[in-house]
PDB file of N, CA and C in Angstrom:
ATOM      1  N   MET A   1       0.836  -1.180   0.000  1.00  0.00           N
ATOM      2  CA  MET A   1       0.000   0.000   0.000  1.00  0.00           C
ATOM      3  C   MET A   1       0.884   1.247   0.000  1.00  0.00           C
ATOM      4  N   ASP A   2       0.595   2.159  -0.897  1.00  0.00           N
ATOM      5  CA  ASP A   2       1.388   3.378  -1.000  1.00  0.00           C
ATOM      6  C   ASP A   2       1.035   4.340   0.132  1.00  0.00           C
ATOM      7  N   ILE A   3       1.781   5.447   0.199  1.00  0.00           N
ATOM      8  CA  ILE A   3       1.619   6.403   1.289  1.00  0.00           C
ATOM      9  C   ILE A   3       1.536   7.811   0.715  1.00  0.00           C
ATOM     10  N   THR A   4       0.694   8.644   1.296  1.00  0.00           N
ATOM     11  CA  THR A   4       0.601  10.044   0.872  1.00  0.00           C
ATOM     12  C   THR A   4       1.637  10.865   1.629  1.00  0.00           C
ATOM     13  N   VAL A   5       1.903  12.068   1.147  1.00  0.00           N
ATOM     14  CA  VAL A   5       2.856  12.929   1.861  1.00  0.00           C
ATOM     15  C   VAL A   5       2.305  13.322   3.230  1.00  0.00           C
ATOM     16  N   GLN A   6       0.996  13.405   3.354  1.00  0.00           N
ATOM     17  CA  GLN A   6       0.396  13.726   4.651  1.00  0.00           C
ATOM     18  C   GLN A   6       0.651  12.590   5.653  1.00  0.00           C
ATOM     19  N   GLU A   7       0.464  11.343   5.198  1.00  0.00           N
ATOM     20  CA  GLU A   7       0.736  10.198   6.068  1.00  0.00           C
ATOM     21  C   GLU A   7       2.222  10.126   6.421  1.00  0.00           C
ATOM     22  N   LEU A   8       3.076  10.404   5.434  1.00  0.00           N
ATOM     23  CA  LEU A   8       4.517  10.392   5.664  1.00  0.00           C
ATOM     24  C   LEU A   8       4.898  11.431   6.710  1.00  0.00           C
ATOM     25  N   ARG A   9       4.357  12.631   6.572  1.00  0.00           N
ATOM     26  CA  ARG A   9       4.669  13.687   7.539  1.00  0.00           C
ATOM     27  C   ARG A   9       4.255  13.265   8.951  1.00  0.00           C
ATOM     28  N   GLN A  10       3.093  12.641   9.085  1.00  0.00           N
ATOM     29  CA  GLN A  10       2.644  12.172  10.400  1.00  0.00           C
ATOM     30  C   GLN A  10       3.627  11.154  10.977  1.00  0.00           C
ATOM     31  N   LYS A  11       4.096  10.236  10.124  1.00  0.00           N
ATOM     32  CA  LYS A  11       5.051   9.222  10.581  1.00  0.00           C
ATOM     33  C   LYS A  11       6.347   9.879  11.048  1.00  0.00           C
ATOM     34  N   LEU A  12       6.826  10.855  10.283  1.00  0.00           N
ATOM     35  CA  LEU A  12       8.070  11.535  10.630  1.00  0.00           C
ATOM     36  C   LEU A  12       7.903  12.347  11.914  1.00  0.00           C
ATOM     37  N   GLU A  13       6.792  13.065  12.023  1.00  0.00           N
ATOM     38  CA  GLU A  13       6.562  13.897  13.211  1.00  0.00           C
ATOM     39  C   GLU A  13       6.416  13.060  14.477  1.00  0.00           C
ATOM     40  N   SER A  14       5.830  11.882  14.344  1.00  0.00           N
ATOM     41  CA  SER A  14       5.613  11.037  15.525  1.00  0.00           C
ATOM     42  C   SER A  14       6.851  10.224  15.890  1.00  0.00           C
ATOM     43  N   GLY A  15       7.868  10.275  15.032  1.00  0.00           N
ATOM     44  CA  GLY A  15       9.093   9.518  15.315  1.00  0.00           C
ATOM     45  C   GLY A  15       8.946   8.027  15.082  1.00  0.00           C
ATOM     46  N   GLU A  16       7.933   7.663  14.314  1.00  0.00           N
ATOM     47  CA  GLU A  16       7.692   6.242  14.029  1.00  0.00           C
ATOM     48  C   GLU A  16       8.912   5.628  13.347  1.00  0.00           C
ATOM     49  N   LYS A  17       9.194   4.383  13.674  1.00  0.00           N
ATOM     50  CA  LYS A  17      10.352   3.688  13.114  1.00  0.00           C
ATOM     51  C   LYS A  17       9.996   3.055  11.764  1.00  0.00           C
ATOM     52  N   PHE A  18      10.746   3.402  10.738  1.00  0.00           N
ATOM     53  CA  PHE A  18      10.638   2.783   9.426  1.00  0.00           C
ATOM     54  C   PHE A  18      11.904   3.112   8.657  1.00  0.00           C
ATOM     55  N   ILE A  19      12.149   2.360   7.594  1.00  0.00           N
ATOM     56  CA  ILE A  19      13.309   2.604   6.744  1.00  0.00           C
ATOM     57  C   ILE A  19      12.857   3.596   5.680  1.00  0.00           C
ATOM     58  N   PHE A  20      13.593   4.699   5.536  1.00  0.00           N
ATOM     59  CA  PHE A  20      13.192   5.803   4.659  1.00  0.00           C
ATOM     60  C   PHE A  20      14.286   5.984   3.602  1.00  0.00           C
ATOM     61  N   ILE A  21      13.923   5.782   2.333  1.00  0.00           N
ATOM     62  CA  ILE A  21      14.901   5.799   1.245  1.00  0.00           C
ATOM     63  C   ILE A  21      14.490   6.800   0.166  1.00  0.00           C
ATOM     64  N   ASP A  22      15.443   7.627  -0.233  1.00  0.00           N
ATOM     65  CA  ASP A  22      15.285   8.586  -1.330  1.00  0.00           C
ATOM     66  C   ASP A  22      16.015   7.995  -2.534  1.00  0.00           C
ATOM     67  N   VAL A  23      15.305   7.743  -3.636  1.00  0.00           N
ATOM     68  CA  VAL A  23      15.923   7.088  -4.790  1.00  0.00           C
ATOM     69  C   VAL A  23      16.284   8.078  -5.903  1.00  0.00           C
ATOM     70  N   ARG A  24      16.312   9.370  -5.570  1.00  0.00           N
ATOM     71  CA  ARG A  24      16.713  10.376  -6.553  1.00  0.00           C
ATOM     72  C   ARG A  24      18.235  10.389  -6.718  1.00  0.00           C
ATOM     73  N   GLU A  25      18.692  11.267  -7.580  1.00  0.00           N
ATOM     74  CA  GLU A  25      20.126  11.415  -7.814  1.00  0.00           C
ATOM     75  C   GLU A  25      20.728  12.355  -6.764  1.00  0.00           C
ATOM     76  N   PRO A  26      22.049  12.255  -6.522  1.00  0.00           N
ATOM     77  CA  PRO A  26      22.679  13.093  -5.493  1.00  0.00           C
ATOM     78  C   PRO A  26      22.422  14.593  -5.663  1.00  0.00           C
ATOM     79  N   TYR A  27      22.429  15.095  -6.897  1.00  0.00           N
ATOM     80  CA  TYR A  27      22.226  16.539  -7.078  1.00  0.00           C
ATOM     81  C   TYR A  27      20.809  16.950  -6.657  1.00  0.00           C
ATOM     82  N   GLU A  28      19.836  16.062  -6.841  1.00  0.00           N
ATOM     83  CA  GLU A  28      18.466  16.352  -6.409  1.00  0.00           C
ATOM     84  C   GLU A  28      18.381  16.344  -4.887  1.00  0.00           C
ATOM     85  N   TYR A  29      19.064  15.388  -4.295  1.00  0.00           N
ATOM     86  CA  TYR A  29      19.085  15.244  -2.838  1.00  0.00           C
ATOM     87  C   TYR A  29      19.719  16.467  -2.191  1.00  0.00           C
ATOM     88  N   GLU A  30      20.810  16.951  -2.792  1.00  0.00           N
ATOM     89  CA  GLU A  30      21.498  18.120  -2.250  1.00  0.00           C
ATOM     90  C   GLU A  30      20.617  19.357  -2.327  1.00  0.00           C
ATOM     91  N   GLU A  31      19.801  19.454  -3.368  1.00  0.00           N
ATOM     92  CA  GLU A  31      18.929  20.608  -3.549  1.00  0.00           C
ATOM     93  C   GLU A  31      17.833  20.662  -2.488  1.00  0.00           C
ATOM     94  N   PHE A  32      17.235  19.500  -2.192  1.00  0.00           N
ATOM     95  CA  PHE A  32      16.170  19.422  -1.181  1.00  0.00           C
ATOM     96  C   PHE A  32      15.996  17.963  -0.792  1.00  0.00           C
ATOM     97  N   ASN A  33      15.999  17.692   0.507  1.00  0.00           N
ATOM     98  CA  ASN A  33      15.752  16.316   0.941  1.00  0.00           C
ATOM     99  C   ASN A  33      14.951  16.314   2.222  1.00  0.00           C
ATOM    100  N   LEU A  34      14.346  15.180   2.488  1.00  0.00           N
ATOM    101  CA  LEU A  34      13.501  15.012   3.659  1.00  0.00           C
ATOM    102  C   LEU A  34      14.192  14.219   4.759  1.00  0.00           C
ATOM    103  N   GLY A  35      15.487  13.985   4.597  1.00  0.00           N
ATOM    104  CA  GLY A  35      16.241  13.276   5.620  1.00  0.00           C
ATOM    105  C   GLY A  35      16.324  11.776   5.422  1.00  0.00           C
ATOM    106  N   ALA A  36      15.839  11.296   4.278  1.00  0.00           N
ATOM    107  CA  ALA A  36      15.909   9.867   3.986  1.00  0.00           C
ATOM    108  C   ALA A  36      17.331   9.473   3.600  1.00  0.00           C
ATOM    109  N   GLN A  37      17.598   8.180   3.653  1.00  0.00           N
ATOM    110  CA  GLN A  37      18.883   7.654   3.178  1.00  0.00           C
ATOM    111  C   GLN A  37      18.882   7.733   1.656  1.00  0.00           C
ATOM    112  N   LEU A  38      19.917   8.295   1.072  1.00  0.00           N
ATOM    113  CA  LEU A  38      20.013   8.403  -0.379  1.00  0.00           C
ATOM    114  C   LEU A  38      20.555   7.114  -0.987  1.00  0.00           C
ATOM    115  N   ILE A  39      19.722   6.471  -1.797  1.00  0.00           N
ATOM    116  CA  ILE A  39      20.139   5.303  -2.581  1.00  0.00           C
ATOM    117  C   ILE A  39      19.528   5.497  -3.972  1.00  0.00           C
ATOM    118  N   PRO A  40      20.277   6.128  -4.898  1.00  0.00           N
ATOM    119  CA  PRO A  40      19.719   6.355  -6.236  1.00  0.00           C
ATOM    120  C   PRO A  40      19.184   5.062  -6.849  1.00  0.00           C
ATOM    121  N   LEU A  41      18.084   5.196  -7.584  1.00  0.00           N
ATOM    122  CA  LEU A  41      17.414   4.035  -8.167  1.00  0.00           C
ATOM    123  C   LEU A  41      18.385   3.097  -8.871  1.00  0.00           C
ATOM    124  N   GLY A  42      19.297   3.649  -9.654  1.00  0.00           N
ATOM    125  CA  GLY A  42      20.235   2.824 -10.416  1.00  0.00           C
ATOM    126  C   GLY A  42      21.210   2.030  -9.563  1.00  0.00           C
ATOM    127  N   THR A  43      21.275   2.339  -8.272  1.00  0.00           N
ATOM    128  CA  THR A  43      22.230   1.645  -7.396  1.00  0.00           C
ATOM    129  C   THR A  43      21.542   0.739  -6.368  1.00  0.00           C
ATOM    130  N   ILE A  44      20.233   0.631  -6.430  1.00  0.00           N
ATOM    131  CA  ILE A  44      19.506  -0.175  -5.424  1.00  0.00           C
ATOM    132  C   ILE A  44      20.054  -1.597  -5.353  1.00  0.00           C
ATOM    133  N   GLY A  45      20.319  -2.193  -6.509  1.00  0.00           N
ATOM    134  CA  GLY A  45      20.826  -3.560  -6.537  1.00  0.00           C
ATOM    135  C   GLY A  45      22.105  -3.734  -5.737  1.00  0.00           C
ATOM    136  N   GLN A  46      22.932  -2.687  -5.701  1.00  0.00           N
ATOM    137  CA  GLN A  46      24.196  -2.744  -4.966  1.00  0.00           C
ATOM    138  C   GLN A  46      23.983  -2.665  -3.456  1.00  0.00           C
ATOM    139  N   HIS A  47      22.793  -2.258  -3.033  1.00  0.00           N
ATOM    140  CA  HIS A  47      22.510  -2.071  -1.606  1.00  0.00           C
ATOM    141  C   HIS A  47      21.618  -3.163  -1.017  1.00  0.00           C
ATOM    142  N   ILE A  48      21.289  -4.156  -1.819  1.00  0.00           N
ATOM    143  CA  ILE A  48      20.368  -5.199  -1.357  1.00  0.00           C
ATOM    144  C   ILE A  48      20.907  -5.912  -0.129  1.00  0.00           C
ATOM    145  N   ASP A  49      22.200  -6.204  -0.096  1.00  0.00           N
ATOM    146  CA  ASP A  49      22.764  -6.879   1.078  1.00  0.00           C
ATOM    147  C   ASP A  49      22.569  -6.040   2.335  1.00  0.00           C
ATOM    148  N   ASP A  50      22.804  -4.714   2.223  1.00  0.00           N
ATOM    149  CA  ASP A  50      22.629  -3.822   3.375  1.00  0.00           C
ATOM    150  C   ASP A  50      21.172  -3.763   3.817  1.00  0.00           C
ATOM    151  N   LEU A  51      20.270  -3.809   2.836  1.00  0.00           N
ATOM    152  CA  LEU A  51      18.847  -3.675   3.137  1.00  0.00           C
ATOM    153  C   LEU A  51      18.195  -4.987   3.557  1.00  0.00           C
ATOM    154  N   SER A  52      18.841  -6.111   3.263  1.00  0.00           N
ATOM    155  CA  SER A  52      18.194  -7.408   3.458  1.00  0.00           C
ATOM    156  C   SER A  52      17.765  -7.662   4.900  1.00  0.00           C
ATOM    157  N   GLU A  53      18.464  -7.074   5.866  1.00  0.00           N
ATOM    158  CA  GLU A  53      18.068  -7.267   7.266  1.00  0.00           C
ATOM    159  C   GLU A  53      16.725  -6.582   7.572  1.00  0.00           C
ATOM    160  N   HIS A  54      16.242  -5.759   6.641  1.00  0.00           N
ATOM    161  CA  HIS A  54      14.987  -5.030   6.825  1.00  0.00           C
ATOM    162  C   HIS A  54      13.858  -5.576   5.948  1.00  0.00           C
ATOM    163  N   LYS A  55      14.008  -6.802   5.455  1.00  0.00           N
ATOM    164  CA  LYS A  55      13.037  -7.358   4.502  1.00  0.00           C
ATOM    165  C   LYS A  55      11.596  -7.335   4.988  1.00  0.00           C
ATOM    166  N   ASP A  56      11.381  -7.472   6.271  1.00  0.00           N
ATOM    167  CA  ASP A  56      10.011  -7.522   6.788  1.00  0.00           C
ATOM    168  C   ASP A  56       9.595  -6.236   7.492  1.00  0.00           C
ATOM    169  N   GLU A  57      10.487  -5.247   7.500  1.00  0.00           N
ATOM    170  CA  GLU A  57      10.158  -3.966   8.120  1.00  0.00           C
ATOM    171  C   GLU A  57       9.498  -3.056   7.086  1.00  0.00           C
ATOM    172  N   GLU A  58       8.849  -2.005   7.577  1.00  0.00           N
ATOM    173  CA  GLU A  58       8.254  -1.035   6.669  1.00  0.00           C
ATOM    174  C   GLU A  58       9.353  -0.199   6.025  1.00  0.00           C
ATOM    175  N   ILE A  59       9.322  -0.134   4.703  1.00  0.00           N
ATOM    176  CA  ILE A  59      10.262   0.688   3.947  1.00  0.00           C
ATOM    177  C   ILE A  59       9.441   1.686   3.144  1.00  0.00           C
ATOM    178  N   VAL A  60       9.751   2.975   3.293  1.00  0.00           N
ATOM    179  CA  VAL A  60       9.086   4.024   2.525  1.00  0.00           C
ATOM    180  C   VAL A  60      10.110   4.591   1.555  1.00  0.00           C
ATOM    181  N   VAL A  61       9.774   4.566   0.268  1.00  0.00           N
ATOM    182  CA  VAL A  61      10.658   5.107  -0.762  1.00  0.00           C
ATOM    183  C   VAL A  61      10.017   6.346  -1.369  1.00  0.00           C
ATOM    184  N   HIS A  62      10.864   7.299  -1.758  1.00  0.00           N
ATOM    185  CA  HIS A  62      10.336   8.481  -2.432  1.00  0.00           C
ATOM    186  C   HIS A  62      11.330   8.997  -3.459  1.00  0.00           C
ATOM    187  N   CYS A  63      10.817   9.788  -4.388  1.00  0.00           N
ATOM    188  CA  CYS A  63      11.644  10.428  -5.406  1.00  0.00           C
ATOM    189  C   CYS A  63      11.022  11.788  -5.717  1.00  0.00           C
ATOM    190  N   ARG A  64      11.258  12.315  -6.906  1.00  0.00           N
ATOM    191  CA  ARG A  64      10.724  13.619  -7.274  1.00  0.00           C
ATOM    192  C   ARG A  64       9.215  13.585  -7.441  1.00  0.00           C
ATOM    193  N   SER A  65       8.716  12.593  -8.201  1.00  0.00           N
ATOM    194  CA  SER A  65       7.287  12.579  -8.538  1.00  0.00           C
ATOM    195  C   SER A  65       6.563  11.297  -8.145  1.00  0.00           C
ATOM    196  N   GLY A  66       7.295  10.282  -7.749  1.00  0.00           N
ATOM    197  CA  GLY A  66       6.701   8.995  -7.405  1.00  0.00           C
ATOM    198  C   GLY A  66       6.955   7.911  -8.439  1.00  0.00           C
ATOM    199  N   ALA A  67       7.483   8.268  -9.610  1.00  0.00           N
ATOM    200  CA  ALA A  67       7.705   7.279 -10.671  1.00  0.00           C
ATOM    201  C   ALA A  67       8.908   6.383 -10.361  1.00  0.00           C
ATOM    202  N   ARG A  68      10.059   6.982 -10.067  1.00  0.00           N
ATOM    203  CA  ARG A  68      11.249   6.177  -9.759  1.00  0.00           C
ATOM    204  C   ARG A  68      11.065   5.387  -8.474  1.00  0.00           C
ATOM    205  N   SER A  69      10.421   5.994  -7.502  1.00  0.00           N
ATOM    206  CA  SER A  69      10.212   5.266  -6.244  1.00  0.00           C
ATOM    207  C   SER A  69       9.244   4.102  -6.440  1.00  0.00           C
ATOM    208  N   ASN A  70       8.314   4.231  -7.376  1.00  0.00           N
ATOM    209  CA  ASN A  70       7.439   3.095  -7.672  1.00  0.00           C
ATOM    210  C   ASN A  70       8.248   1.965  -8.307  1.00  0.00           C
ATOM    211  N   GLN A  71       9.202   2.316  -9.170  1.00  0.00           N
ATOM    212  CA  GLN A  71      10.085   1.296  -9.750  1.00  0.00           C
ATOM    213  C   GLN A  71      10.911   0.627  -8.652  1.00  0.00           C
ATOM    214  N   ALA A  72      11.413   1.437  -7.721  1.00  0.00           N
ATOM    215  CA  ALA A  72      12.195   0.888  -6.608  1.00  0.00           C
ATOM    216  C   ALA A  72      11.335  -0.043  -5.761  1.00  0.00           C
ATOM    217  N   LYS A  73      10.099   0.362  -5.523  1.00  0.00           N
ATOM    218  CA  LYS A  73       9.170  -0.475  -4.752  1.00  0.00           C
ATOM    219  C   LYS A  73       8.991  -1.830  -5.433  1.00  0.00           C
ATOM    220  N   MET A  74       8.731  -1.814  -6.742  1.00  0.00           N
ATOM    221  CA  MET A  74       8.523  -3.070  -7.469  1.00  0.00           C
ATOM    222  C   MET A  74       9.779  -3.930  -7.444  1.00  0.00           C
ATOM    223  N   LEU A  75      10.940  -3.307  -7.594  1.00  0.00           N
ATOM    224  CA  LEU A  75      12.205  -4.038  -7.561  1.00  0.00           C
ATOM    225  C   LEU A  75      12.417  -4.691  -6.197  1.00  0.00           C
ATOM    226  N   LEU A  76      12.213  -3.920  -5.137  1.00  0.00           N
ATOM    227  CA  LEU A  76      12.400  -4.469  -3.790  1.00  0.00           C
ATOM    228  C   LEU A  76      11.399  -5.590  -3.517  1.00  0.00           C
ATOM    229  N   GLU A  77      10.157  -5.398  -3.933  1.00  0.00           N
ATOM    230  CA  GLU A  77       9.160  -6.455  -3.735  1.00  0.00           C
ATOM    231  C   GLU A  77       9.540  -7.722  -4.488  1.00  0.00           C
ATOM    232  N   SER A  78      10.111  -7.559  -5.684  1.00  0.00           N
ATOM    233  CA  SER A  78      10.520  -8.735  -6.462  1.00  0.00           C
ATOM    234  C   SER A  78      11.678  -9.475  -5.799  1.00  0.00           C
ATOM    235  N   MET A  79      12.384  -8.792  -4.886  1.00  0.00           N
ATOM    236  CA  MET A  79      13.502  -9.395  -4.168  1.00  0.00           C
ATOM    237  C   MET A  79      13.093  -9.875  -2.779  1.00  0.00           C
ATOM    238  N   GLY A  80      11.786  -9.900  -2.518  1.00  0.00           N
ATOM    239  CA  GLY A  80      11.302 -10.481  -1.279  1.00  0.00           C
ATOM    240  C   GLY A  80      10.998  -9.509  -0.150  1.00  0.00           C
ATOM    241  N   PHE A  81      11.095  -8.215  -0.397  1.00  0.00           N
ATOM    242  CA  PHE A  81      10.749  -7.242   0.636  1.00  0.00           C
ATOM    243  C   PHE A  81       9.228  -7.178   0.722  1.00  0.00           C
ATOM    244  N   SER A  82       8.703  -7.289   1.937  1.00  0.00           N
ATOM    245  CA  SER A  82       7.267  -7.515   2.083  1.00  0.00           C
ATOM    246  C   SER A  82       6.436  -6.283   2.417  1.00  0.00           C
ATOM    247  N   ASN A  83       7.077  -5.167   2.790  1.00  0.00           N
ATOM    248  CA  ASN A  83       6.301  -4.011   3.240  1.00  0.00           C
ATOM    249  C   ASN A  83       6.918  -2.721   2.707  1.00  0.00           C
ATOM    250  N   VAL A  84       6.897  -2.555   1.373  1.00  0.00           N
ATOM    251  CA  VAL A  84       7.478  -1.376   0.733  1.00  0.00           C
ATOM    252  C   VAL A  84       6.350  -0.449   0.306  1.00  0.00           C
ATOM    253  N   ARG A  85       6.487   0.831   0.649  1.00  0.00           N
ATOM    254  CA  ARG A  85       5.458   1.819   0.327  1.00  0.00           C
ATOM    255  C   ARG A  85       6.065   2.951  -0.495  1.00  0.00           C
ATOM    256  N   ASN A  86       5.412   3.283  -1.597  1.00  0.00           N
ATOM    257  CA  ASN A  86       5.822   4.380  -2.460  1.00  0.00           C
ATOM    258  C   ASN A  86       5.134   5.659  -1.999  1.00  0.00           C
ATOM    259  N   THR A  87       5.890   6.757  -1.937  1.00  0.00           N
ATOM    260  CA  THR A  87       5.320   8.057  -1.574  1.00  0.00           C
ATOM    261  C   THR A  87       4.667   8.665  -2.809  1.00  0.00           C
ATOM    262  N   LEU A  88       3.347   8.746  -2.791  1.00  0.00           N
ATOM    263  CA  LEU A  88       2.590   9.246  -3.938  1.00  0.00           C
ATOM    264  C   LEU A  88       2.905  10.718  -4.190  1.00  0.00           C
ATOM    265  N   GLY A  89       3.323  11.028  -5.409  1.00  0.00           N
ATOM    266  CA  GLY A  89       3.629  12.413  -5.767  1.00  0.00           C
ATOM    267  C   GLY A  89       5.011  12.880  -5.384  1.00  0.00           C
ATOM    268  N   GLY A  90       5.701  12.119  -4.544  1.00  0.00           N
ATOM    269  CA  GLY A  90       7.083  12.401  -4.177  1.00  0.00           C
ATOM    270  C   GLY A  90       7.317  13.791  -3.610  1.00  0.00           C
ATOM    271  N   VAL A  91       8.522  14.298  -3.865  1.00  0.00           N
ATOM    272  CA  VAL A  91       8.934  15.608  -3.359  1.00  0.00           C
ATOM    273  C   VAL A  91       8.042  16.710  -3.935  1.00  0.00           C
ATOM    274  N   LEU A  92       7.589  16.545  -5.170  1.00  0.00           N
ATOM    275  CA  LEU A  92       6.699  17.557  -5.749  1.00  0.00           C
ATOM    276  C   LEU A  92       5.436  17.714  -4.907  1.00  0.00           C
ATOM    277  N   ALA A  93       4.844  16.607  -4.502  1.00  0.00           N
ATOM    278  CA  ALA A  93       3.635  16.656  -3.672  1.00  0.00           C
ATOM    279  C   ALA A  93       3.960  17.227  -2.292  1.00  0.00           C
ATOM    280  N   TRP A  94       5.121  16.841  -1.736  1.00  0.00           N
ATOM    281  CA  TRP A  94       5.521  17.368  -0.431  1.00  0.00           C
ATOM    282  C   TRP A  94       5.639  18.885  -0.503  1.00  0.00           C
ATOM    283  N   ARG A  95       6.353  19.377  -1.512  1.00  0.00           N
ATOM    284  CA  ARG A  95       6.566  20.822  -1.621  1.00  0.00           C
ATOM    285  C   ARG A  95       5.272  21.560  -1.922  1.00  0.00           C
ATOM    286  N   GLU A  96       4.373  20.919  -2.646  1.00  0.00           N
ATOM    287  CA  GLU A  96       3.073  21.540  -2.906  1.00  0.00           C
ATOM    288  C   GLU A  96       2.286  21.680  -1.600  1.00  0.00           C
ATOM    289  N   ALA A  97       2.372  20.663  -0.760  1.00  0.00           N
ATOM    290  CA  ALA A  97       1.619  20.664   0.503  1.00  0.00           C
ATOM    291  C   ALA A  97       2.313  21.494   1.596  1.00  0.00           C
ATOM    292  N   TYR A  98       3.645  21.422   1.655  1.00  0.00           N
ATOM    293  CA  TYR A  98       4.372  21.990   2.801  1.00  0.00           C
ATOM    294  C   TYR A  98       5.487  22.965   2.434  1.00  0.00           C
ATOM    295  N   GLY A  99       5.636  23.282   1.153  1.00  0.00           N
ATOM    296  CA  GLY A  99       6.745  24.148   0.758  1.00  0.00           C
ATOM    297  C   GLY A  99       8.071  23.448   1.023  1.00  0.00           C
ATOM    298  N   ASP A 100       9.048  24.191   1.506  1.00  0.00           N
ATOM    299  CA  ASP A 100      10.357  23.627   1.795  1.00  0.00           C
ATOM    300  C   ASP A 100      10.478  23.171   3.249  1.00  0.00           C
ATOM    301  N   ALA A 101       9.356  23.119   3.939  1.00  0.00           N
ATOM    302  CA  ALA A 101       9.380  22.704   5.348  1.00  0.00           C
ATOM    303  C   ALA A 101       9.744  21.234   5.473  1.00  0.00           C
ATOM    304  N   LYS A 102      10.583  20.968   6.444  1.00  0.00           N
ATOM    305  CA  LYS A 102      10.955  19.599   6.766  1.00  0.00           C
ATOM    306  C   LYS A 102      10.475  19.312   8.172  1.00  0.00           C
ATOM    307  N   VAL A 103      10.441  18.055   8.518  1.00  0.00           N
ATOM    308  CA  VAL A 103       9.972  17.671   9.859  1.00  0.00           C
ATOM    309  C   VAL A 103      11.151  17.684  10.811  1.00  0.00           C
TER     310      VAL A 103
END
């Protein structure tokens, strides 16, 4: 099940535990980020060993618009990750709702 930016903000504000991954490119991350771990989409395969200990934990992925993070979600699910959520609308939706505010 995917997640809205409003739900994501609630999770971040409440300090809820989950794995938070930004699949954008480094230059995008440097411009604006929400504090997620940066793992560009093209490098996800190289990080599977690091992520494997979290296979059954909630993982929230996001990107600029939700397209790359949806690809990351499908890739992770195909590798056995059971609780991956794509942030609908990505950073664009976040900035539309909250501007440049971070939690």
